[in-house]
Amino acid sequence: EQVNFMATNKIETKENLDNFAKTNYEEYKNLIGKRENLWKRYHRAKTEEDKSEILAEINNIQTVIKELRKYDKYCKDIKARSESIQNNLDNFDKDMQKEKDNSRSL
């Protein structure tokens, strides 16, 4: 599912990932604040009709928040895995260089 996520959002580089993660997190925080304000309005609402409308809006926002939270987790997971892979590649390069150096000194 993360591969589809990356392809759908055209994430091909670390910069793409960082930019997407930042934008996604900002939208997530924005909606969390909006949801909090809606709950305040819900508790102040006088009629059941108003409460029902506000609750429907909260439910719609909650669906988006859930998606954004999932994307945030994907971004963090991808970043952690890519850093681990880069470290492995760096260590592999160092090991290869040591092999070359050792073979030259024989």
N, C-alpha and C. Protein backbone atom coordinates (compact mmCIF):
# COMPACT_ATOMS: atom_id res chain seq x y z
N GLU A 1 0.83 -1.20 0.00
CA GLU A 1 0.00 0.00 0.00
C GLU A 1 0.87 1.27 0.00
N GLN A 2 2.05 1.19 0.65
CA GLN A 2 2.93 2.36 0.68
C GLN A 2 3.49 2.68 -0.70
N VAL A 3 3.71 1.64 -1.51
CA VAL A 3 4.21 1.87 -2.88
C VAL A 3 3.16 2.63 -3.67
N ASN A 4 1.90 2.22 -3.56
CA ASN A 4 0.82 2.95 -4.23
C ASN A 4 0.73 4.38 -3.72
N PHE A 5 0.89 4.54 -2.41
CA PHE A 5 0.88 5.87 -1.80
C PHE A 5 1.97 6.75 -2.42
N MET A 6 3.16 6.18 -2.58
CA MET A 6 4.27 6.96 -3.15
C MET A 6 4.01 7.29 -4.61
N ALA A 7 3.53 6.33 -5.37
CA ALA A 7 3.27 6.56 -6.79
C ALA A 7 2.15 7.57 -6.98
N THR A 8 1.07 7.41 -6.24
CA THR A 8 -0.07 8.31 -6.36
C THR A 8 0.31 9.75 -6.06
N ASN A 9 1.18 9.94 -5.08
CA ASN A 9 1.58 11.28 -4.66
C ASN A 9 2.89 11.75 -5.30
N LYS A 10 3.37 10.99 -6.30
CA LYS A 10 4.57 11.33 -7.06
C LYS A 10 5.76 11.58 -6.14
N ILE A 11 5.96 10.68 -5.19
CA ILE A 11 7.09 10.77 -4.27
C ILE A 11 8.21 9.91 -4.83
N GLU A 12 9.24 10.58 -5.36
CA GLU A 12 10.36 9.87 -5.97
C GLU A 12 11.69 10.18 -5.30
N THR A 13 11.74 11.26 -4.55
CA THR A 13 12.99 11.66 -3.90
C THR A 13 12.74 11.97 -2.43
N LYS A 14 13.83 12.09 -1.69
CA LYS A 14 13.72 12.45 -0.27
C LYS A 14 13.05 13.82 -0.14
N GLU A 15 13.37 14.74 -1.04
CA GLU A 15 12.77 16.07 -1.01
C GLU A 15 11.26 16.00 -1.24
N ASN A 16 10.84 15.15 -2.20
CA ASN A 16 9.40 14.95 -2.42
C ASN A 16 8.73 14.45 -1.16
N LEU A 17 9.38 13.48 -0.51
CA LEU A 17 8.82 12.90 0.72
C LEU A 17 8.74 13.95 1.82
N ASP A 18 9.83 14.72 1.99
CA ASP A 18 9.84 15.76 3.03
C ASP A 18 8.76 16.81 2.79
N ASN A 19 8.61 17.23 1.54
CA ASN A 19 7.60 18.24 1.21
C ASN A 19 6.19 17.70 1.43
N PHE A 20 5.96 16.47 0.99
CA PHE A 20 4.64 15.87 1.19
C PHE A 20 4.34 15.74 2.68
N ALA A 21 5.33 15.25 3.44
CA ALA A 21 5.14 15.03 4.88
C ALA A 21 4.82 16.35 5.58
N LYS A 22 5.52 17.41 5.20
CA LYS A 22 5.28 18.72 5.83
C LYS A 22 3.87 19.23 5.52
N THR A 23 3.49 19.18 4.25
CA THR A 23 2.16 19.64 3.84
C THR A 23 1.07 18.80 4.50
N ASN A 24 1.27 17.48 4.51
CA ASN A 24 0.31 16.57 5.11
C ASN A 24 0.14 16.86 6.59
N TYR A 25 1.26 17.08 7.30
CA TYR A 25 1.20 17.33 8.74
C TYR A 25 0.51 18.66 9.04
N GLU A 26 0.78 19.67 8.22
CA GLU A 26 0.14 20.97 8.42
C GLU A 26 -1.38 20.85 8.24
N GLU A 27 -1.81 20.11 7.23
CA GLU A 27 -3.24 19.91 7.00
C GLU A 27 -3.85 19.12 8.17
N TYR A 28 -3.12 18.12 8.63
CA TYR A 28 -3.58 17.31 9.76
C TYR A 28 -3.80 18.18 11.00
N LYS A 29 -2.81 19.02 11.33
CA LYS A 29 -2.93 19.89 12.50
C LYS A 29 -4.08 20.88 12.32
N ASN A 30 -4.25 21.40 11.12
CA ASN A 30 -5.33 22.33 10.82
C ASN A 30 -6.69 21.67 11.09
N LEU A 31 -6.86 20.45 10.61
CA LEU A 31 -8.14 19.77 10.80
C LEU A 31 -8.38 19.36 12.24
N ILE A 32 -7.31 19.05 12.97
CA ILE A 32 -7.46 18.74 14.40
C ILE A 32 -8.01 19.98 15.11
N GLY A 33 -7.46 21.15 14.79
CA GLY A 33 -7.96 22.39 15.39
C GLY A 33 -9.40 22.68 15.00
N LYS A 34 -9.71 22.43 13.73
CA LYS A 34 -11.09 22.66 13.28
C LYS A 34 -12.06 21.72 14.00
N ARG A 35 -11.63 20.46 14.18
CA ARG A 35 -12.49 19.50 14.88
C ARG A 35 -12.72 19.93 16.33
N GLU A 36 -11.68 20.44 16.99
CA GLU A 36 -11.82 20.92 18.37
C GLU A 36 -12.83 22.06 18.44
N ASN A 37 -12.74 22.99 17.49
CA ASN A 37 -13.70 24.10 17.46
C ASN A 37 -15.13 23.62 17.21
N LEU A 38 -15.27 22.62 16.35
CA LEU A 38 -16.60 22.07 16.10
C LEU A 38 -17.17 21.42 17.36
N TRP A 39 -16.34 20.72 18.12
CA TRP A 39 -16.82 20.13 19.37
C TRP A 39 -17.28 21.22 20.35
N LYS A 40 -16.55 22.32 20.39
CA LYS A 40 -16.97 23.44 21.25
C LYS A 40 -18.33 23.96 20.81
N ARG A 41 -18.50 24.13 19.47
CA ARG A 41 -19.79 24.58 18.95
C ARG A 41 -20.88 23.57 19.25
N TYR A 42 -20.55 22.29 19.16
CA TYR A 42 -21.52 21.23 19.43
C TYR A 42 -22.04 21.34 20.86
N HIS A 43 -21.14 21.55 21.80
CA HIS A 43 -21.56 21.62 23.21
C HIS A 43 -22.34 22.90 23.53
N ARG A 44 -22.17 23.93 22.69
CA ARG A 44 -22.92 25.18 22.90
C ARG A 44 -24.23 25.21 22.11
N ALA A 45 -24.39 24.27 21.18
CA ALA A 45 -25.57 24.27 20.30
C ALA A 45 -26.84 24.11 21.13
N LYS A 46 -27.86 24.82 20.72
CA LYS A 46 -29.12 24.84 21.45
C LYS A 46 -30.11 23.77 20.96
N THR A 47 -30.09 23.50 19.65
CA THR A 47 -31.10 22.57 19.12
C THR A 47 -30.43 21.25 18.69
N GLU A 48 -31.24 20.23 18.65
CA GLU A 48 -30.76 18.92 18.20
C GLU A 48 -30.37 18.97 16.72
N GLU A 49 -31.08 19.80 15.95
CA GLU A 49 -30.76 19.94 14.53
C GLU A 49 -29.36 20.51 14.35
N ASP A 50 -29.03 21.56 15.12
CA ASP A 50 -27.68 22.15 15.06
C ASP A 50 -26.64 21.12 15.48
N LYS A 51 -26.92 20.41 16.56
CA LYS A 51 -25.99 19.39 17.04
C LYS A 51 -25.77 18.31 15.98
N SER A 52 -26.83 17.91 15.32
CA SER A 52 -26.75 16.88 14.29
C SER A 52 -25.88 17.34 13.11
N GLU A 53 -26.07 18.60 12.68
CA GLU A 53 -25.28 19.15 11.58
C GLU A 53 -23.80 19.22 11.95
N ILE A 54 -23.53 19.68 13.16
CA ILE A 54 -22.14 19.81 13.61
C ILE A 54 -21.50 18.43 13.72
N LEU A 55 -22.24 17.48 14.24
CA LEU A 55 -21.72 16.12 14.38
C LEU A 55 -21.41 15.50 13.02
N ALA A 56 -22.24 15.77 12.03
CA ALA A 56 -21.99 15.27 10.68
C ALA A 56 -20.69 15.87 10.13
N GLU A 57 -20.47 17.15 10.39
CA GLU A 57 -19.25 17.80 9.95
C GLU A 57 -18.03 17.21 10.66
N ILE A 58 -18.17 16.95 11.95
CA ILE A 58 -17.08 16.33 12.71
C ILE A 58 -16.75 14.96 12.13
N ASN A 59 -17.77 14.18 11.81
CA ASN A 59 -17.55 12.85 11.24
C ASN A 59 -16.84 12.92 9.90
N ASN A 60 -17.20 13.91 9.06
CA ASN A 60 -16.52 14.08 7.78
C ASN A 60 -15.05 14.43 7.98
N ILE A 61 -14.79 15.33 8.90
CA ILE A 61 -13.41 15.73 9.18
C ILE A 61 -12.62 14.55 9.76
N GLN A 62 -13.27 13.77 10.61
CA GLN A 62 -12.60 12.63 11.23
C GLN A 62 -12.09 11.65 10.18
N THR A 63 -12.86 11.45 9.12
CA THR A 63 -12.45 10.55 8.05
C THR A 63 -11.17 11.06 7.39
N VAL A 64 -11.11 12.36 7.14
CA VAL A 64 -9.92 12.95 6.51
C VAL A 64 -8.74 12.89 7.49
N ILE A 65 -8.98 13.19 8.75
CA ILE A 65 -7.92 13.13 9.75
C ILE A 65 -7.30 11.73 9.80
N LYS A 66 -8.15 10.73 9.72
CA LYS A 66 -7.66 9.35 9.76
C LYS A 66 -6.73 9.06 8.58
N GLU A 67 -7.10 9.53 7.39
CA GLU A 67 -6.25 9.35 6.20
C GLU A 67 -4.93 10.10 6.37
N LEU A 68 -5.00 11.34 6.82
CA LEU A 68 -3.79 12.14 6.99
C LEU A 68 -2.86 11.52 8.03
N ARG A 69 -3.44 10.97 9.08
CA ARG A 69 -2.63 10.30 10.12
C ARG A 69 -1.93 9.08 9.52
N LYS A 70 -2.65 8.34 8.67
CA LYS A 70 -2.07 7.17 8.00
C LYS A 70 -0.91 7.61 7.10
N TYR A 71 -1.10 8.69 6.35
CA TYR A 71 -0.04 9.18 5.48
C TYR A 71 1.17 9.65 6.29
N ASP A 72 0.91 10.27 7.44
CA ASP A 72 2.01 10.71 8.30
C ASP A 72 2.83 9.50 8.76
N LYS A 73 2.15 8.43 9.12
CA LYS A 73 2.84 7.21 9.54
C LYS A 73 3.63 6.63 8.37
N TYR A 74 3.04 6.60 7.18
CA TYR A 74 3.76 6.11 6.00
C TYR A 74 5.05 6.91 5.79
N CYS A 75 4.94 8.22 5.85
CA CYS A 75 6.12 9.07 5.63
C CYS A 75 7.22 8.76 6.65
N LYS A 76 6.84 8.62 7.90
CA LYS A 76 7.82 8.30 8.94
C LYS A 76 8.44 6.93 8.72
N ASP A 77 7.63 5.96 8.36
CA ASP A 77 8.14 4.60 8.10
C ASP A 77 9.09 4.58 6.91
N ILE A 78 8.70 5.25 5.83
CA ILE A 78 9.52 5.28 4.62
C ILE A 78 10.84 5.97 4.91
N LYS A 79 10.79 7.07 5.63
CA LYS A 79 12.01 7.81 5.97
C LYS A 79 12.94 6.94 6.81
N ALA A 80 12.40 6.25 7.80
CA ALA A 80 13.22 5.39 8.67
C ALA A 80 13.85 4.25 7.85
N ARG A 81 13.06 3.63 6.98
CA ARG A 81 13.59 2.54 6.16
C ARG A 81 14.66 3.04 5.20
N SER A 82 14.44 4.19 4.60
CA SER A 82 15.41 4.70 3.63
C SER A 82 16.72 5.08 4.33
N GLU A 83 16.64 5.60 5.56
CA GLU A 83 17.86 5.91 6.31
C GLU A 83 18.61 4.63 6.65
N SER A 84 17.88 3.59 7.02
CA SER A 84 18.50 2.30 7.33
C SER A 84 19.18 1.73 6.09
N ILE A 85 18.51 1.79 4.95
CA ILE A 85 19.09 1.29 3.71
C ILE A 85 20.34 2.09 3.35
N GLN A 86 20.27 3.42 3.50
CA GLN A 86 21.44 4.26 3.18
C GLN A 86 22.62 3.91 4.09
N ASN A 87 22.35 3.67 5.37
CA ASN A 87 23.43 3.27 6.29
C ASN A 87 24.03 1.94 5.87
N ASN A 88 23.19 1.00 5.46
CA ASN A 88 23.70 -0.30 4.99
C ASN A 88 24.56 -0.13 3.75
N LEU A 89 24.13 0.72 2.84
CA LEU A 89 24.91 0.97 1.62
C LEU A 89 26.25 1.63 1.96
N ASP A 90 26.22 2.60 2.87
CA ASP A 90 27.46 3.26 3.28
C ASP A 90 28.44 2.26 3.90
N ASN A 91 27.91 1.39 4.76
CA ASN A 91 28.76 0.37 5.39
C ASN A 91 29.29 -0.61 4.36
N PHE A 92 28.46 -0.96 3.39
CA PHE A 92 28.89 -1.86 2.32
C PHE A 92 30.03 -1.21 1.52
N ASP A 93 29.89 0.07 1.19
CA ASP A 93 30.94 0.79 0.46
C ASP A 93 32.24 0.81 1.26
N LYS A 94 32.14 1.03 2.57
CA LYS A 94 33.33 1.04 3.42
C LYS A 94 33.99 -0.34 3.44
N ASP A 95 33.18 -1.38 3.53
CA ASP A 95 33.71 -2.74 3.53
C ASP A 95 34.40 -3.06 2.21
N MET A 96 33.80 -2.63 1.12
CA MET A 96 34.41 -2.85 -0.21
C MET A 96 35.73 -2.11 -0.32
N GLN A 97 35.79 -0.90 0.21
CA GLN A 97 37.03 -0.12 0.15
C GLN A 97 38.12 -0.80 0.98
N LYS A 98 37.75 -1.33 2.15
CA LYS A 98 38.71 -2.05 2.99
C LYS A 98 39.25 -3.28 2.26
N GLU A 99 38.36 -3.99 1.57
CA GLU A 99 38.78 -5.16 0.79
C GLU A 99 39.81 -4.76 -0.26
N LYS A 100 39.53 -3.66 -0.97
CA LYS A 100 40.45 -3.18 -2.00
C LYS A 100 41.80 -2.80 -1.37
N ASP A 101 41.73 -2.06 -0.25
CA ASP A 101 42.96 -1.64 0.43
C ASP A 101 43.77 -2.85 0.90
N ASN A 102 43.09 -3.84 1.44
CA ASN A 102 43.77 -5.05 1.93
C ASN A 102 44.40 -5.83 0.79
N SER A 103 43.70 -5.91 -0.33
CA SER A 103 44.24 -6.68 -1.47
C SER A 103 45.44 -5.95 -2.07
N ARG A 104 45.49 -4.64 -2.02
CA ARG A 104 46.63 -3.86 -2.54
C ARG A 104 47.87 -4.04 -1.66
N SER A 105 47.63 -4.19 -0.36
CA SER A 105 48.77 -4.25 0.56
C SER A 105 49.43 -5.64 0.57
N LEU A 106 48.79 -6.63 -0.10
CA LEU A 106 49.38 -7.97 -0.13
C LEU A 106 50.49 -8.09 -1.09
